[in-house]
Amino acid sequence: MNLIKSLERISGKQVIILIIMIAVGIAIQSYVAGRGNQYTHYNNYVIFKQSYEHLIHNSNLYKLYPDEHFDFYKYSPAFALFMAPFYYLPDFIGLMLFNLLNAGLLIAALLRLRLPSQSYKFIFLFILLELAISLSMTQTNALMAGLIILGFTFMEEDKPFPASLMITLSVFIKLFGMVAFILWLFYPSKSRFIIYSIFWFTVLTILPILVNSPPDLLQQYQNWFTLLKNDHDASYGISFMGWMHSWFNLDLPKTGTVAVAALVFCLPLLKFKLYKLYFFRLQVLASILLWIVIFNHKGENPTYIIAMSGIAIWYFSQKTTSGNKILLWLAVIFTSFSSTDLITPGWIAERYVEPYAVKAVTCCVIWFKLLFDLMSENFTNAVLQEKVSKEQVGMLS
C-alpha cells in the first residue's frame, strides 16, 4: 500500500521525464559498453544504420555482413532509406535520438487516447520496464506500437490521410502491422482510407528508387520475401505456439494456427451495435496490439512492449474488477519482471523463462479474456447501458 501511495504522488509529467532519462541513459550505457567479443552492445542499431549503406551501394540488404554485425536485416527497403539521418550521425548521438524517437512516439500516441488524465502515469509506469527492455536492444517495437496507436487516434479524429500513413509505415517496418488495417471497419471515411492507404503503399514501395535503379529495387524486394519465407520456418518464438510447444509438446502448424487465431480475433467484430462505442474500439485496439505479438512466430523479449501497451489500454479503459486486477499484476510479474534480474536470476531466465515462453502466457490469457468479455451478452448489455464513462477507468491499486 505504501508503494501505491508513493506512486499516486508522482505526476504524469514526472513519469515522462523519467522515461526520457531512461531512454537517454540506456543509449549512453550501450555506447559506453562498446564492443563485446566482436560486435557492439547496440548491434540492432548497427544493422539498421548499415542497411542504408547497403541500399545506396545496391548490395543485398538481406544477407549477413559478419564484418559489421550479427543477424539479418529484416525490414523493408523503405526503412533502410529512412535510416539515412542516423547513418551520417555519430553513434553516440544517433543512439540517443533513436531511443528518444521510439519512446517519444509511444508516449505521444498514448497521450492522444481519450482517457482520464490521472490514468496516464499508471499506464507509463506499467509499460516502463518493457519499454526499457526494448530500448536496451535498440529495437523498433515501441515505434511500432506508437504508429498503430497513432493510426487509431487519427481515425478517431476522422483524419484518414495521416491515419493510413501511420499504419502503412508500421507495415514497412514489420509486416504484422497489417493487422491494424482492421480498424478501417469502424469509421465513416472508408473509401478515403482505402485510397490513401493505396497511395502510401505505392509511395513507400517505390521511394527507395531515389537511391536505387528499378531492377535493383525489385531484386531487393525479392531478397526480402525470400528471407521472410525462410525466417517463417525457423522457430515458434515467445508466442502462443511457443507456449503450446514448450508446455504441452504440441507442434501446431504456424499458418493454420494464425488463420484460426485471425478468425477468433474477428468474432467480436460481429457485434455491429458496439461499433459506436469508443470503449469497444479501444478494446479492439488492445486486441490488435496483443494479437500481433502472441501469434508472431518470431516473438521475442523486446516485442512485448507492444503487447503490454495493449494490456494497458485494455485495463485502464474500463471499470476495475478483481479478476482484471489479478491478471494485470500477473502480467507485471510474469511478462515484465520474469525476463529481468529484478526477481529472476539470470540462469533461471535463460533456462526456463524464454524456453517455456513464460512472457507469452499471461498475455495469451488476457487476450482470450478480452475476447470472452466482448462476446459475452451480459458484458455487451452492461457496456451499452453504462456507456463506460470517462471516470470508469481502472487503477493500479
Protein backbone atom coordinates (compact mmCIF):
# COMPACT_ATOMS: atom_id res chain seq x y z
CA MET A 1 0.00 0.00 0.00
CA ASN A 2 2.88 2.40 0.77
CA LEU A 3 4.21 1.78 -2.74
CA ILE A 4 0.81 2.57 -4.25
CA LYS A 5 0.52 5.78 -2.22
CA SER A 6 4.00 6.78 -3.33
CA LEU A 7 3.08 6.18 -6.97
CA GLU A 8 -0.07 8.26 -6.58
CA ARG A 9 2.04 11.26 -5.53
CA ILE A 10 4.05 11.10 -8.75
CA SER A 11 2.76 13.28 -11.58
CA GLY A 12 2.39 12.17 -15.18
CA LYS A 13 5.00 14.73 -16.28
CA GLN A 14 7.49 13.29 -13.80
CA VAL A 15 6.97 9.81 -15.23
CA ILE A 16 7.50 11.11 -18.77
CA ILE A 17 10.72 12.84 -17.68
CA LEU A 18 11.80 9.56 -16.06
CA ILE A 19 11.16 7.68 -19.31
CA ILE A 20 13.16 10.23 -21.31
CA MET A 21 16.05 9.96 -18.84
CA ILE A 22 15.95 6.17 -19.04
CA ALA A 23 15.91 6.27 -22.86
CA VAL A 24 18.96 8.55 -22.93
CA GLY A 25 20.68 6.60 -20.14
CA ILE A 26 20.25 3.29 -21.95
CA ALA A 27 21.70 4.81 -25.14
CA ILE A 28 24.72 6.16 -23.25
CA GLN A 29 25.24 2.85 -21.45
CA SER A 30 25.09 0.91 -24.75
CA TYR A 31 27.57 3.26 -26.38
CA VAL A 32 30.00 3.30 -23.45
CA ALA A 33 29.86 -0.50 -23.20
CA GLY A 34 31.27 -0.53 -26.72
CA ARG A 35 32.09 -3.92 -28.19
CA GLY A 36 31.77 -7.36 -26.72
CA ASN A 37 33.90 -10.13 -28.14
CA GLN A 38 33.34 -8.86 -31.68
CA TYR A 39 30.21 -6.75 -32.04
CA THR A 40 28.82 -3.66 -30.33
CA HIS A 41 26.29 -3.76 -27.50
CA TYR A 42 23.90 -1.93 -29.83
CA ASN A 43 24.08 -4.45 -32.65
CA ASN A 44 20.49 -3.87 -33.86
CA TYR A 45 21.14 -0.17 -34.30
CA VAL A 46 24.21 -1.03 -36.39
CA ILE A 47 22.07 -3.34 -38.54
CA PHE A 48 19.55 -0.55 -39.13
CA LYS A 49 22.18 2.11 -39.78
CA GLN A 50 24.27 -0.03 -42.12
CA SER A 51 21.20 -1.02 -44.13
CA TYR A 52 21.26 2.46 -45.65
CA GLU A 53 24.84 1.97 -46.84
CA HIS A 54 23.93 -1.39 -48.38
CA LEU A 55 20.89 0.18 -50.04
CA ILE A 56 22.76 3.04 -51.72
CA HIS A 57 25.50 0.68 -52.91
CA ASN A 58 22.98 -1.80 -54.35
CA SER A 59 24.21 -4.52 -52.01
CA ASN A 60 21.85 -7.26 -50.90
CA LEU A 61 20.11 -5.90 -47.81
CA TYR A 62 19.11 -9.35 -46.66
CA LYS A 63 22.34 -11.28 -46.30
CA LEU A 64 24.72 -11.50 -43.37
CA TYR A 65 27.52 -8.94 -43.01
CA PRO A 66 29.65 -10.53 -40.28
CA ASP A 67 32.33 -7.83 -40.53
CA GLU A 68 29.73 -5.24 -39.44
CA HIS A 69 27.16 -7.01 -37.23
CA PHE A 70 25.49 -10.32 -36.49
CA ASP A 71 21.98 -11.32 -37.57
CA PHE A 72 19.99 -10.30 -40.65
CA TYR A 73 18.30 -7.06 -41.60
CA LYS A 74 14.59 -7.99 -41.92
CA TYR A 75 12.78 -4.73 -42.65
CA SER A 76 11.71 -3.09 -45.90
CA PRO A 77 13.97 -1.17 -48.32
CA ALA A 78 11.99 1.96 -47.35
CA PHE A 79 13.01 1.58 -43.71
CA ALA A 80 16.65 1.35 -44.81
CA LEU A 81 16.18 4.66 -46.63
CA PHE A 82 14.67 6.24 -43.50
CA MET A 83 17.84 5.34 -41.59
CA ALA A 84 19.84 7.82 -43.69
CA PRO A 85 20.00 10.54 -40.98
CA PHE A 86 21.24 8.02 -38.42
CA TYR A 87 23.85 6.68 -40.83
CA TYR A 88 25.54 10.09 -41.01
CA LEU A 89 25.33 10.80 -37.27
CA PRO A 90 27.95 9.71 -34.73
CA ASP A 91 26.68 6.61 -32.92
CA PHE A 92 26.63 8.43 -29.58
CA ILE A 93 24.11 10.97 -30.91
CA GLY A 94 22.26 8.56 -33.18
CA LEU A 95 21.61 6.05 -30.41
CA MET A 96 20.07 8.69 -28.16
CA LEU A 97 17.88 10.07 -30.95
CA PHE A 98 16.79 6.57 -31.97
CA ASN A 99 15.74 5.71 -28.40
CA LEU A 100 14.01 9.06 -27.96
CA LEU A 101 12.13 8.55 -31.23
CA ASN A 102 10.88 5.14 -30.07
CA ALA A 103 9.93 6.23 -26.55
CA GLY A 104 8.64 9.65 -27.57
CA LEU A 105 6.34 8.38 -30.30
CA LEU A 106 4.78 5.79 -27.99
CA ILE A 107 4.24 8.36 -25.22
CA ALA A 108 2.73 10.85 -27.67
CA ALA A 109 0.43 8.19 -29.11
CA LEU A 110 -0.83 7.05 -25.70
CA LEU A 111 -1.45 10.64 -24.63
CA ARG A 112 -3.75 11.09 -27.63
CA LEU A 113 -6.10 8.39 -26.35
CA ARG A 114 -9.22 9.73 -24.64
CA LEU A 115 -8.63 8.51 -21.11
CA PRO A 116 -8.82 10.33 -17.76
CA SER A 117 -5.64 12.31 -17.19
CA GLN A 118 -4.85 10.58 -13.90
CA SER A 119 -4.57 7.20 -15.65
CA TYR A 120 -1.63 8.10 -17.89
CA LYS A 121 1.05 8.00 -15.24
CA PHE A 122 -0.05 4.48 -14.31
CA ILE A 123 -0.01 3.44 -17.96
CA PHE A 124 3.51 4.81 -18.38
CA LEU A 125 4.70 3.12 -15.18
CA PHE A 126 3.09 -0.13 -16.26
CA ILE A 127 4.92 -0.23 -19.62
CA LEU A 128 8.16 1.28 -18.31
CA LEU A 129 10.10 -1.94 -17.79
CA GLU A 130 9.11 -3.46 -21.14
CA LEU A 131 9.96 -0.18 -22.85
CA ALA A 132 13.40 -0.24 -21.22
CA ILE A 133 13.93 -3.85 -22.39
CA SER A 134 13.08 -2.89 -25.97
CA LEU A 135 15.27 0.23 -25.89
CA SER A 136 18.19 -1.68 -24.41
CA MET A 137 18.09 -3.91 -27.51
CA THR A 138 17.75 -0.82 -29.78
CA GLN A 139 14.61 -2.33 -31.25
CA THR A 140 11.74 -0.68 -33.14
CA ASN A 141 8.87 -2.25 -31.21
CA ALA A 142 7.92 0.87 -29.25
CA LEU A 143 7.88 2.69 -32.58
CA MET A 144 5.54 0.00 -33.97
CA ALA A 145 3.15 0.33 -31.03
CA GLY A 146 3.20 4.12 -31.31
CA LEU A 147 2.45 4.11 -35.04
CA ILE A 148 -0.51 1.75 -34.67
CA ILE A 149 -1.98 3.74 -31.75
CA LEU A 150 -1.46 6.99 -33.67
CA GLY A 151 -3.27 5.46 -36.63
CA PHE A 152 -6.18 4.70 -34.32
CA THR A 153 -6.28 8.21 -32.84
CA PHE A 154 -6.18 9.86 -36.28
CA MET A 155 -9.08 7.66 -37.38
CA GLU A 156 -10.97 8.76 -34.26
CA GLU A 157 -10.46 12.35 -35.43
CA ASP A 158 -11.68 11.46 -38.95
CA LYS A 159 -8.25 12.07 -40.44
CA PRO A 160 -7.77 9.07 -42.75
CA PHE A 161 -4.78 10.58 -44.57
CA PRO A 162 -2.36 10.61 -41.59
CA ALA A 163 -4.07 7.51 -40.14
CA SER A 164 -3.31 5.48 -43.26
CA LEU A 165 0.26 6.81 -43.27
CA MET A 166 0.87 5.71 -39.67
CA ILE A 167 -0.41 2.19 -40.22
CA THR A 168 1.33 1.82 -43.58
CA LEU A 169 4.61 2.93 -42.01
CA SER A 170 4.19 0.22 -39.37
CA VAL A 171 3.81 -2.37 -42.13
CA PHE A 172 7.02 -1.19 -43.79
CA ILE A 173 8.82 -1.74 -40.51
CA LYS A 174 7.26 -5.10 -39.61
CA LEU A 175 4.66 -6.78 -41.78
CA PHE A 176 2.41 -7.72 -38.86
CA GLY A 177 1.36 -4.06 -38.66
CA MET A 178 -1.02 -5.05 -41.48
CA VAL A 179 -3.48 -6.32 -38.83
CA ALA A 180 -4.17 -2.72 -37.76
CA PHE A 181 -5.96 -2.05 -41.05
CA ILE A 182 -8.95 -3.82 -39.49
CA LEU A 183 -9.67 -0.51 -37.73
CA TRP A 184 -10.99 0.66 -41.11
CA LEU A 185 -14.31 -1.04 -40.26
CA PHE A 186 -15.27 1.40 -37.52
CA TYR A 187 -15.17 4.73 -39.32
CA PRO A 188 -17.22 6.50 -41.99
CA SER A 189 -14.30 7.55 -44.23
CA LYS A 190 -13.77 4.02 -45.55
CA SER A 191 -13.29 4.85 -49.23
CA ARG A 192 -10.85 7.68 -48.48
CA PHE A 193 -8.91 5.45 -46.10
CA ILE A 194 -8.56 2.77 -48.79
CA ILE A 195 -7.45 5.30 -51.42
CA TYR A 196 -4.93 6.91 -49.06
CA SER A 197 -3.59 3.52 -47.97
CA ILE A 198 -3.02 2.50 -51.60
CA PHE A 199 -1.30 5.85 -52.15
CA TRP A 200 1.04 5.42 -49.17
CA PHE A 201 1.80 1.78 -50.06
CA THR A 202 2.76 2.88 -53.55
CA VAL A 203 4.90 5.78 -52.33
CA LEU A 204 6.74 3.74 -49.68
CA THR A 205 7.27 0.83 -52.05
CA ILE A 206 8.93 2.89 -54.78
CA LEU A 207 10.55 5.56 -52.55
CA PRO A 208 13.95 3.78 -52.42
CA ILE A 209 14.15 4.38 -56.17
CA LEU A 210 15.68 7.69 -55.10
CA VAL A 211 18.89 5.77 -54.46
CA ASN A 212 18.28 2.52 -56.41
CA SER A 213 17.56 1.65 -60.01
CA PRO A 214 14.19 -0.08 -60.60
CA PRO A 215 15.77 -3.51 -61.35
CA ASP A 216 17.96 -3.28 -58.23
CA LEU A 217 14.99 -2.29 -56.07
CA LEU A 218 12.92 -5.16 -57.44
CA GLN A 219 15.75 -7.52 -56.56
CA GLN A 220 15.81 -6.15 -53.01
CA TYR A 221 12.12 -6.98 -52.63
CA GLN A 222 12.70 -10.48 -53.97
CA ASN A 223 15.53 -10.94 -51.48
CA TRP A 224 13.31 -9.64 -48.66
CA PHE A 225 10.49 -12.07 -49.34
CA THR A 226 12.94 -14.96 -49.62
CA LEU A 227 14.36 -14.08 -46.22
CA LEU A 228 10.90 -13.77 -44.66
CA LYS A 229 9.85 -17.14 -46.07
CA ASN A 230 12.91 -18.85 -44.63
CA ASP A 231 12.51 -16.94 -41.36
CA HIS A 232 8.92 -18.20 -41.03
CA ASP A 233 10.15 -21.79 -40.79
CA ALA A 234 12.78 -21.06 -38.13
CA SER A 235 11.06 -21.24 -34.72
CA TYR A 236 7.93 -20.72 -32.65
CA GLY A 237 9.36 -17.79 -30.67
CA ILE A 238 7.88 -16.48 -27.43
CA SER A 239 4.31 -16.85 -28.62
CA PHE A 240 1.11 -18.84 -28.18
CA MET A 241 2.60 -21.52 -30.41
CA GLY A 242 5.81 -21.47 -28.39
CA TRP A 243 3.76 -21.87 -25.21
CA MET A 244 1.85 -24.84 -26.61
CA HIS A 245 5.07 -26.45 -27.85
CA SER A 246 7.16 -26.00 -24.69
CA TRP A 247 4.44 -26.82 -22.15
CA PHE A 248 2.34 -29.43 -23.93
CA ASN A 249 4.67 -30.67 -26.70
CA LEU A 250 2.16 -29.59 -29.34
CA ASP A 251 3.69 -28.74 -32.71
CA LEU A 252 0.96 -26.51 -34.09
CA PRO A 253 1.11 -25.62 -37.80
CA LYS A 254 2.04 -21.95 -37.95
CA THR A 255 -0.07 -20.92 -40.90
CA GLY A 256 -3.12 -22.86 -39.70
CA THR A 257 -2.81 -21.56 -36.15
CA VAL A 258 -2.52 -17.95 -37.29
CA ALA A 259 -5.51 -18.42 -39.61
CA VAL A 260 -7.67 -19.82 -36.79
CA ALA A 261 -6.45 -17.09 -34.43
CA ALA A 262 -7.38 -14.47 -37.05
CA LEU A 263 -10.92 -15.89 -37.25
CA VAL A 264 -11.24 -15.86 -33.46
CA PHE A 265 -9.89 -12.30 -33.40
CA CYS A 266 -12.65 -11.26 -35.80
CA LEU A 267 -15.54 -12.71 -33.76
CA PRO A 268 -16.15 -9.53 -31.70
CA LEU A 269 -16.34 -7.58 -34.95
CA LEU A 270 -19.75 -9.19 -35.49
CA LYS A 271 -21.04 -7.01 -32.64
CA PHE A 272 -22.00 -4.22 -35.04
CA LYS A 273 -24.07 -2.35 -32.45
CA LEU A 274 -20.94 -1.79 -30.38
CA TYR A 275 -19.02 -0.03 -33.15
CA LYS A 276 -20.39 3.32 -32.00
CA LEU A 277 -18.77 2.99 -28.56
CA TYR A 278 -15.28 4.37 -28.05
CA PHE A 279 -14.73 1.76 -25.34
CA PHE A 280 -15.34 -1.08 -27.79
CA ARG A 281 -12.98 0.42 -30.35
CA LEU A 282 -10.31 0.78 -27.65
CA GLN A 283 -10.73 -2.88 -26.74
CA VAL A 284 -10.25 -3.88 -30.38
CA LEU A 285 -7.10 -1.73 -30.49
CA ALA A 286 -5.85 -3.55 -27.39
CA SER A 287 -6.69 -6.87 -29.03
CA ILE A 288 -4.66 -5.92 -32.12
CA LEU A 289 -1.60 -4.99 -30.05
CA LEU A 290 -1.79 -8.29 -28.16
CA TRP A 291 -2.58 -10.46 -31.19
CA ILE A 292 0.36 -9.31 -33.32
CA VAL A 293 2.76 -10.37 -30.56
CA ILE A 294 1.30 -13.59 -29.14
CA PHE A 295 0.68 -15.06 -32.61
CA ASN A 296 4.01 -13.93 -34.04
CA HIS A 297 6.25 -16.95 -34.54
CA LYS A 298 9.27 -14.67 -34.09
CA GLY A 299 8.06 -13.11 -30.85
CA GLU A 300 10.96 -12.23 -28.58
CA ASN A 301 11.52 -10.30 -25.35
CA PRO A 302 11.70 -6.79 -26.90
CA THR A 303 8.42 -7.23 -28.83
CA TYR A 304 6.41 -7.39 -25.61
CA ILE A 305 6.31 -3.61 -25.26
CA ILE A 306 3.63 -3.85 -27.97
CA ALA A 307 1.62 -6.45 -26.03
CA MET A 308 2.00 -4.58 -22.73
CA SER A 309 0.76 -1.40 -24.39
CA GLY A 310 -2.31 -3.39 -25.42
CA ILE A 311 -2.79 -4.68 -21.88
CA ALA A 312 -2.51 -1.13 -20.53
CA ILE A 313 -5.23 0.07 -22.91
CA TRP A 314 -7.40 -2.96 -22.07
CA TYR A 315 -7.18 -2.45 -18.31
CA PHE A 316 -7.22 1.33 -18.00
CA SER A 317 -10.13 1.85 -20.38
CA GLN A 318 -12.67 0.04 -18.21
CA LYS A 319 -14.00 -0.30 -14.71
CA THR A 320 -11.72 -2.18 -12.34
CA THR A 321 -12.62 -5.77 -11.47
CA SER A 322 -10.80 -8.15 -9.15
CA GLY A 323 -10.17 -10.60 -12.00
CA ASN A 324 -8.72 -7.95 -14.28
CA LYS A 325 -6.55 -6.58 -11.48
CA ILE A 326 -5.11 -10.04 -10.80
CA LEU A 327 -4.34 -10.52 -14.50
CA LEU A 328 -2.70 -7.10 -14.65
CA TRP A 329 -0.32 -7.91 -11.81
CA LEU A 330 0.39 -11.35 -13.26
CA ALA A 331 1.42 -9.57 -16.46
CA VAL A 332 3.74 -7.30 -14.46
CA ILE A 333 5.35 -10.28 -12.72
CA PHE A 334 5.46 -12.94 -15.44
CA THR A 335 5.75 -10.79 -18.56
CA SER A 336 7.92 -7.87 -17.44
CA PHE A 337 9.79 -8.97 -14.31
CA SER A 338 10.36 -12.56 -15.47
CA SER A 339 12.95 -11.52 -18.04
CA THR A 340 14.92 -9.21 -15.75
CA ASP A 341 17.27 -9.72 -12.83
CA LEU A 342 14.85 -7.82 -10.57
CA ILE A 343 13.20 -11.03 -9.39
CA THR A 344 14.54 -13.73 -11.70
CA PRO A 345 18.20 -14.86 -11.55
CA GLY A 346 19.81 -14.89 -14.98
CA TRP A 347 20.25 -18.65 -15.13
CA ILE A 348 16.54 -19.22 -14.40
CA ALA A 349 15.53 -16.75 -17.09
CA GLU A 350 17.86 -18.39 -19.60
CA ARG A 351 16.87 -21.95 -18.74
CA TYR A 352 13.15 -21.59 -18.11
CA VAL A 353 11.61 -18.18 -18.83
CA GLU A 354 12.42 -17.90 -22.53
CA PRO A 355 12.41 -21.61 -23.49
CA TYR A 356 8.98 -22.03 -21.84
CA ALA A 357 7.52 -18.83 -23.34
CA VAL A 358 6.65 -17.51 -19.88
CA LYS A 359 6.26 -13.94 -21.14
CA ALA A 360 3.54 -15.07 -23.53
CA VAL A 361 1.32 -16.97 -21.08
CA THR A 362 -0.37 -14.11 -19.21
CA CYS A 363 -0.67 -12.08 -22.41
CA CYS A 364 -2.48 -15.01 -24.06
CA VAL A 365 -4.81 -15.40 -21.09
CA ILE A 366 -5.63 -11.67 -21.11
CA TRP A 367 -6.30 -11.74 -24.86
CA PHE A 368 -8.72 -14.63 -24.50
CA LYS A 369 -10.35 -12.89 -21.51
CA LEU A 370 -10.73 -9.71 -23.57
CA LEU A 371 -12.41 -11.64 -26.40
CA PHE A 372 -14.65 -13.55 -23.99
CA ASP A 373 -15.85 -10.30 -22.43
CA LEU A 374 -16.57 -8.70 -25.81
CA MET A 375 -18.51 -11.79 -26.92
CA SER A 376 -20.46 -12.11 -23.66
CA GLU A 377 -24.03 -10.86 -24.00
CA ASN A 378 -24.12 -9.75 -20.35
CA PHE A 379 -20.93 -7.77 -20.85
CA THR A 380 -22.32 -6.23 -24.04
CA ASN A 381 -25.54 -5.17 -22.34
CA ALA A 382 -23.67 -3.72 -19.37
CA VAL A 383 -21.41 -1.71 -21.66
CA LEU A 384 -24.33 -0.40 -23.68
CA GLN A 385 -26.17 0.65 -20.53
CA GLU A 386 -23.22 2.27 -18.79
CA LYS A 387 -21.53 3.55 -22.00
CA VAL A 388 -18.31 3.31 -20.00
CA SER A 389 -17.99 6.85 -18.72
CA LYS A 390 -14.61 8.55 -18.57
CA GLU A 391 -14.50 8.01 -14.84
CA GLN A 392 -14.75 4.22 -15.19
CA VAL A 393 -11.06 3.61 -15.56
CA GLY A 394 -9.07 1.02 -13.62
CA MET A 395 -6.18 1.98 -11.38
CA LEU A 396 -3.09 0.12 -10.21
CA SER A 397 -4.34 -0.01 -6.64
